[in-house]
């Protein structure tokens, strides 16, 4: 099992972040992993009926099936490598495994109209 699969399996089994799991995420993803963990701890992962959204410092980013609308995902990541993820997509994966997704029973498209 790769380092990437290890932290996912460990996190799914534990259901909570622990020192060794955090270390494994940071080892696999560096600064992106750190930013993802911070977003989860700050409860910035929102699930709407149509999208999962990660609230960044300057904007909100839509994450669907591991893909993200951010510039990092668009320009810097290897699209053929499913483990090469931006911090927004990592945050969604972590939040789902630790039950830290903030669920909203509304359409994100409706929310965006008010922003």
N, C-alpha and C. Protein backbone atom coordinates (compact mmCIF):
# COMPACT_ATOMS: atom_id res chain seq x y z
N UNK A 1 0.85 -1.17 0.00
CA UNK A 1 0.00 0.00 0.00
C UNK A 1 0.90 1.24 0.00
N UNK A 2 0.59 2.21 -0.83
CA UNK A 2 1.39 3.42 -0.93
C UNK A 2 1.12 4.34 0.26
N UNK A 3 2.00 5.32 0.44
CA UNK A 3 1.82 6.32 1.49
C UNK A 3 0.47 7.02 1.32
N UNK A 4 0.11 7.28 0.08
CA UNK A 4 -1.15 7.94 -0.25
C UNK A 4 -2.34 7.10 0.21
N UNK A 5 -2.31 5.81 -0.09
CA UNK A 5 -3.40 4.92 0.31
C UNK A 5 -3.40 4.72 1.83
N UNK A 6 -2.22 4.73 2.43
CA UNK A 6 -2.09 4.52 3.87
C UNK A 6 -2.84 5.56 4.69
N UNK A 7 -2.63 6.85 4.37
CA UNK A 7 -3.30 7.86 5.19
C UNK A 7 -4.80 7.83 4.99
N UNK A 8 -5.23 7.54 3.77
CA UNK A 8 -6.68 7.47 3.51
C UNK A 8 -7.31 6.32 4.29
N UNK A 9 -6.67 5.16 4.24
CA UNK A 9 -7.19 3.99 4.95
C UNK A 9 -7.16 4.22 6.46
N UNK A 10 -6.06 4.78 6.95
CA UNK A 10 -5.93 5.04 8.39
C UNK A 10 -6.97 6.05 8.85
N UNK A 11 -7.19 7.09 8.07
CA UNK A 11 -8.16 8.11 8.43
C UNK A 11 -9.58 7.56 8.38
N UNK A 12 -9.88 6.76 7.38
CA UNK A 12 -11.21 6.14 7.29
C UNK A 12 -11.47 5.24 8.49
N UNK A 13 -10.45 4.48 8.89
CA UNK A 13 -10.61 3.57 10.02
C UNK A 13 -10.73 4.32 11.34
N UNK A 14 -9.93 5.36 11.51
CA UNK A 14 -9.91 6.10 12.78
C UNK A 14 -11.08 7.08 12.89
N UNK A 15 -11.45 7.69 11.77
CA UNK A 15 -12.52 8.67 11.79
C UNK A 15 -12.13 9.99 12.44
N UNK A 16 -10.83 10.15 12.69
CA UNK A 16 -10.33 11.38 13.31
C UNK A 16 -8.86 11.55 12.95
N UNK A 17 -8.44 12.80 12.91
CA UNK A 17 -7.03 13.09 12.65
C UNK A 17 -6.23 12.81 13.91
N UNK A 18 -5.09 12.15 13.74
CA UNK A 18 -4.16 11.90 14.84
C UNK A 18 -2.78 12.30 14.36
N UNK A 19 -1.83 12.36 15.27
CA UNK A 19 -0.47 12.75 14.91
C UNK A 19 0.11 11.96 13.76
N UNK A 20 0.07 10.62 13.81
CA UNK A 20 0.64 9.84 12.70
C UNK A 20 -0.08 10.05 11.37
N UNK A 21 -1.39 10.23 11.41
CA UNK A 21 -2.14 10.45 10.18
C UNK A 21 -1.81 11.83 9.61
N UNK A 22 -1.75 12.83 10.46
CA UNK A 22 -1.36 14.17 10.01
C UNK A 22 0.02 14.12 9.40
N UNK A 23 0.95 13.42 10.06
CA UNK A 23 2.32 13.30 9.53
C UNK A 23 2.32 12.64 8.15
N UNK A 24 1.48 11.62 7.98
CA UNK A 24 1.41 10.93 6.68
C UNK A 24 0.85 11.85 5.60
N UNK A 25 -0.17 12.64 5.95
CA UNK A 25 -0.75 13.59 4.98
C UNK A 25 0.30 14.62 4.60
N UNK A 26 0.99 15.16 5.59
CA UNK A 26 2.02 16.16 5.32
C UNK A 26 3.17 15.58 4.51
N UNK A 27 3.53 14.36 4.79
CA UNK A 27 4.61 13.71 4.04
C UNK A 27 4.22 13.51 2.58
N UNK A 28 2.97 13.15 2.35
CA UNK A 28 2.51 12.90 0.99
C UNK A 28 2.20 14.19 0.22
N UNK A 29 1.74 15.23 0.95
CA UNK A 29 1.21 16.41 0.24
C UNK A 29 1.82 17.75 0.66
N UNK A 30 2.70 17.76 1.64
CA UNK A 30 3.39 18.97 2.04
C UNK A 30 2.46 20.12 2.40
N UNK A 31 2.74 21.29 1.84
CA UNK A 31 1.97 22.50 2.14
C UNK A 31 0.50 22.35 1.76
N UNK A 32 0.21 21.64 0.68
CA UNK A 32 -1.20 21.43 0.30
C UNK A 32 -1.92 20.64 1.39
N UNK A 33 -1.25 19.65 1.95
CA UNK A 33 -1.83 18.87 3.04
C UNK A 33 -2.07 19.72 4.27
N UNK A 34 -1.12 20.59 4.58
CA UNK A 34 -1.26 21.48 5.74
C UNK A 34 -2.46 22.41 5.57
N UNK A 35 -2.58 23.00 4.40
CA UNK A 35 -3.70 23.91 4.14
C UNK A 35 -5.03 23.16 4.19
N UNK A 36 -5.05 21.92 3.71
CA UNK A 36 -6.27 21.12 3.75
C UNK A 36 -6.68 20.82 5.19
N UNK A 37 -5.72 20.44 6.01
CA UNK A 37 -6.01 20.15 7.42
C UNK A 37 -6.53 21.40 8.12
N UNK A 38 -5.92 22.54 7.84
CA UNK A 38 -6.39 23.80 8.43
C UNK A 38 -7.83 24.11 8.02
N UNK A 39 -8.16 23.90 6.74
CA UNK A 39 -9.52 24.17 6.27
C UNK A 39 -10.53 23.26 6.97
N UNK A 40 -10.16 22.01 7.17
CA UNK A 40 -11.06 21.08 7.87
C UNK A 40 -11.24 21.54 9.32
N UNK A 41 -10.15 21.88 9.98
CA UNK A 41 -10.24 22.29 11.39
C UNK A 41 -11.03 23.59 11.54
N UNK A 42 -11.04 24.42 10.51
CA UNK A 42 -11.79 25.68 10.53
C UNK A 42 -13.20 25.53 9.96
N UNK A 43 -13.59 24.29 9.66
CA UNK A 43 -14.94 23.97 9.18
C UNK A 43 -15.31 24.74 7.92
N UNK A 44 -14.41 24.72 6.93
CA UNK A 44 -14.64 25.47 5.70
C UNK A 44 -15.04 24.58 4.53
N UNK A 45 -15.50 23.35 4.80
CA UNK A 45 -15.95 22.45 3.73
C UNK A 45 -17.48 22.37 3.83
N UNK A 46 -18.14 22.82 2.78
CA UNK A 46 -19.60 22.92 2.75
C UNK A 46 -20.17 22.02 1.65
N UNK A 47 -21.15 21.23 2.01
CA UNK A 47 -21.82 20.36 1.03
C UNK A 47 -23.21 20.91 0.76
N UNK A 48 -23.46 21.24 -0.50
CA UNK A 48 -24.77 21.69 -0.94
C UNK A 48 -25.42 20.56 -1.75
N UNK A 49 -26.61 20.72 -2.20
CA UNK A 49 -27.27 19.69 -3.01
C UNK A 49 -26.51 19.41 -4.30
N UNK A 50 -25.90 20.44 -4.87
CA UNK A 50 -25.27 20.28 -6.17
C UNK A 50 -23.74 20.21 -6.14
N UNK A 51 -23.10 20.76 -5.13
CA UNK A 51 -21.63 20.79 -5.10
C UNK A 51 -21.10 20.72 -3.67
N UNK A 52 -19.84 20.33 -3.58
CA UNK A 52 -19.09 20.52 -2.35
C UNK A 52 -18.21 21.74 -2.60
N UNK A 53 -18.17 22.63 -1.63
CA UNK A 53 -17.44 23.89 -1.76
C UNK A 53 -16.45 24.01 -0.62
N UNK A 54 -15.24 24.45 -0.97
CA UNK A 54 -14.24 24.75 0.05
C UNK A 54 -14.08 26.27 0.06
N UNK A 55 -14.26 26.83 1.22
CA UNK A 55 -14.15 28.28 1.38
C UNK A 55 -12.67 28.61 1.58
N UNK A 56 -12.12 29.32 0.60
CA UNK A 56 -10.73 29.76 0.69
C UNK A 56 -10.67 31.14 1.31
N UNK A 57 -9.49 31.72 1.31
CA UNK A 57 -9.32 33.04 1.91
C UNK A 57 -9.83 34.14 0.98
N UNK A 58 -9.81 33.90 -0.33
CA UNK A 58 -10.22 34.91 -1.29
C UNK A 58 -11.46 34.53 -2.10
N UNK A 59 -11.80 33.26 -2.13
CA UNK A 59 -12.91 32.81 -2.97
C UNK A 59 -13.41 31.47 -2.46
N UNK A 60 -14.43 30.95 -3.09
CA UNK A 60 -14.94 29.62 -2.81
C UNK A 60 -14.66 28.75 -4.02
N UNK A 61 -14.29 27.48 -3.77
CA UNK A 61 -13.88 26.58 -4.84
C UNK A 61 -14.77 25.35 -4.84
N UNK A 62 -15.27 25.02 -6.01
CA UNK A 62 -16.14 23.85 -6.17
C UNK A 62 -15.27 22.62 -6.40
N UNK A 63 -15.54 21.58 -5.63
CA UNK A 63 -14.83 20.32 -5.76
C UNK A 63 -15.84 19.24 -6.11
N UNK A 64 -15.60 18.57 -7.23
CA UNK A 64 -16.46 17.47 -7.68
C UNK A 64 -15.59 16.30 -8.10
N UNK A 65 -15.82 15.16 -7.48
CA UNK A 65 -15.11 13.93 -7.84
C UNK A 65 -13.60 14.13 -7.91
N UNK A 66 -13.04 14.84 -6.93
CA UNK A 66 -11.61 15.05 -6.87
C UNK A 66 -11.08 16.16 -7.75
N UNK A 67 -11.94 16.78 -8.54
CA UNK A 67 -11.53 17.91 -9.39
C UNK A 67 -11.96 19.21 -8.73
N UNK A 68 -11.16 20.25 -8.94
CA UNK A 68 -11.42 21.53 -8.31
C UNK A 68 -11.34 22.65 -9.34
N UNK A 69 -12.02 23.74 -9.04
CA UNK A 69 -12.06 24.89 -9.94
C UNK A 69 -10.93 25.89 -9.69
N UNK A 70 -10.00 25.58 -8.79
CA UNK A 70 -8.92 26.53 -8.48
C UNK A 70 -7.84 26.55 -9.56
N UNK A 71 -7.05 27.61 -9.55
CA UNK A 71 -5.95 27.78 -10.51
C UNK A 71 -4.86 26.73 -10.31
N UNK A 72 -4.61 26.32 -9.07
CA UNK A 72 -3.60 25.30 -8.79
C UNK A 72 -3.96 24.01 -9.53
N UNK A 73 -5.21 23.59 -9.41
CA UNK A 73 -5.65 22.37 -10.08
C UNK A 73 -5.59 22.52 -11.60
N UNK A 74 -5.92 23.69 -12.08
CA UNK A 74 -5.95 23.93 -13.52
C UNK A 74 -4.55 23.96 -14.14
N UNK A 75 -3.60 24.58 -13.45
CA UNK A 75 -2.29 24.82 -14.07
C UNK A 75 -1.12 24.02 -13.52
N UNK A 76 -1.19 23.58 -12.27
CA UNK A 76 -0.01 22.99 -11.65
C UNK A 76 -0.05 21.49 -11.43
N UNK A 77 -1.19 20.88 -11.52
CA UNK A 77 -1.31 19.48 -11.18
C UNK A 77 -1.31 18.58 -12.41
N UNK A 78 -0.84 17.37 -12.20
CA UNK A 78 -0.82 16.36 -13.26
C UNK A 78 -2.21 15.74 -13.34
N UNK A 79 -2.97 16.10 -14.35
CA UNK A 79 -4.34 15.63 -14.49
C UNK A 79 -4.44 14.10 -14.65
N UNK A 80 -3.36 13.47 -15.07
CA UNK A 80 -3.39 12.01 -15.23
C UNK A 80 -3.07 11.28 -13.93
N UNK A 81 -2.68 12.01 -12.89
CA UNK A 81 -2.34 11.41 -11.60
C UNK A 81 -3.45 11.72 -10.59
N UNK A 82 -4.28 10.74 -10.24
CA UNK A 82 -5.39 10.99 -9.33
C UNK A 82 -4.97 11.32 -7.91
N UNK A 83 -3.70 11.14 -7.57
CA UNK A 83 -3.22 11.48 -6.23
C UNK A 83 -2.63 12.88 -6.15
N UNK A 84 -2.48 13.54 -7.30
CA UNK A 84 -1.94 14.90 -7.35
C UNK A 84 -3.11 15.87 -7.23
N UNK A 85 -3.39 16.29 -5.99
CA UNK A 85 -4.59 17.08 -5.72
C UNK A 85 -4.24 18.44 -5.12
N UNK A 86 -5.09 19.42 -5.37
CA UNK A 86 -4.95 20.72 -4.72
C UNK A 86 -5.41 20.59 -3.27
N UNK A 87 -5.15 21.61 -2.48
CA UNK A 87 -5.51 21.51 -1.07
C UNK A 87 -7.03 21.50 -0.88
N UNK A 88 -7.78 22.06 -1.79
CA UNK A 88 -9.25 22.07 -1.67
C UNK A 88 -9.79 20.64 -1.79
N UNK A 89 -9.32 19.91 -2.80
CA UNK A 89 -9.76 18.52 -2.99
C UNK A 89 -9.30 17.64 -1.83
N UNK A 90 -8.08 17.87 -1.34
CA UNK A 90 -7.60 17.13 -0.17
C UNK A 90 -8.48 17.42 1.05
N UNK A 91 -8.85 18.68 1.23
CA UNK A 91 -9.69 19.04 2.37
C UNK A 91 -11.02 18.31 2.33
N UNK A 92 -11.60 18.18 1.14
CA UNK A 92 -12.87 17.45 1.01
C UNK A 92 -12.66 15.98 1.40
N UNK A 93 -11.59 15.37 0.91
CA UNK A 93 -11.33 13.96 1.25
C UNK A 93 -11.15 13.77 2.75
N UNK A 94 -10.42 14.66 3.37
CA UNK A 94 -10.19 14.56 4.81
C UNK A 94 -11.50 14.79 5.56
N UNK A 95 -12.22 15.85 5.21
CA UNK A 95 -13.47 16.18 5.91
C UNK A 95 -14.50 15.05 5.81
N UNK A 96 -14.59 14.43 4.65
CA UNK A 96 -15.54 13.32 4.50
C UNK A 96 -15.18 12.16 5.42
N UNK A 97 -13.89 11.90 5.59
CA UNK A 97 -13.46 10.77 6.42
C UNK A 97 -13.59 11.03 7.92
N UNK A 98 -13.63 12.29 8.31
CA UNK A 98 -13.75 12.60 9.75
C UNK A 98 -15.11 13.22 10.08
N UNK A 99 -16.03 13.11 9.15
CA UNK A 99 -17.39 13.62 9.32
C UNK A 99 -17.38 15.10 9.72
N UNK A 100 -16.62 15.90 8.94
CA UNK A 100 -16.50 17.33 9.22
C UNK A 100 -17.01 18.19 8.07
N UNK A 101 -17.90 17.63 7.26
CA UNK A 101 -18.49 18.38 6.17
C UNK A 101 -19.75 19.07 6.69
N UNK A 102 -19.86 20.36 6.43
CA UNK A 102 -21.01 21.15 6.85
C UNK A 102 -22.08 21.02 5.75
N UNK A 103 -23.16 20.29 6.04
CA UNK A 103 -24.20 20.03 5.05
C UNK A 103 -25.26 21.12 5.04
N UNK A 104 -25.62 21.55 3.84
CA UNK A 104 -26.65 22.57 3.65
C UNK A 104 -27.69 22.02 2.67
N UNK A 105 -28.93 21.98 3.07
CA UNK A 105 -29.99 21.45 2.23
C UNK A 105 -30.51 22.57 1.31
N UNK A 106 -29.63 23.00 0.42
CA UNK A 106 -29.97 24.04 -0.56
C UNK A 106 -29.01 23.90 -1.74
N UNK A 107 -29.34 24.55 -2.81
CA UNK A 107 -28.51 24.53 -4.01
C UNK A 107 -27.43 25.60 -3.89
N UNK A 108 -26.21 25.25 -4.20
CA UNK A 108 -25.12 26.22 -4.15
C UNK A 108 -25.37 27.35 -5.15
N UNK A 109 -25.93 27.00 -6.29
CA UNK A 109 -26.22 28.02 -7.31
C UNK A 109 -27.16 29.10 -6.75
N UNK A 110 -28.06 28.72 -5.85
CA UNK A 110 -28.94 29.71 -5.22
C UNK A 110 -28.17 30.57 -4.23
N UNK A 111 -27.24 29.98 -3.51
CA UNK A 111 -26.43 30.71 -2.55
C UNK A 111 -25.55 31.72 -3.27
N UNK A 112 -24.97 31.34 -4.38
CA UNK A 112 -24.06 32.24 -5.12
C UNK A 112 -24.77 33.50 -5.59
N UNK A 113 -26.07 33.42 -5.81
CA UNK A 113 -26.81 34.62 -6.24
C UNK A 113 -26.77 35.71 -5.18
N UNK A 114 -26.63 35.32 -3.90
CA UNK A 114 -26.62 36.29 -2.81
C UNK A 114 -25.22 36.83 -2.52
N UNK A 115 -24.21 36.19 -3.05
CA UNK A 115 -22.82 36.61 -2.78
C UNK A 115 -22.40 37.72 -3.71
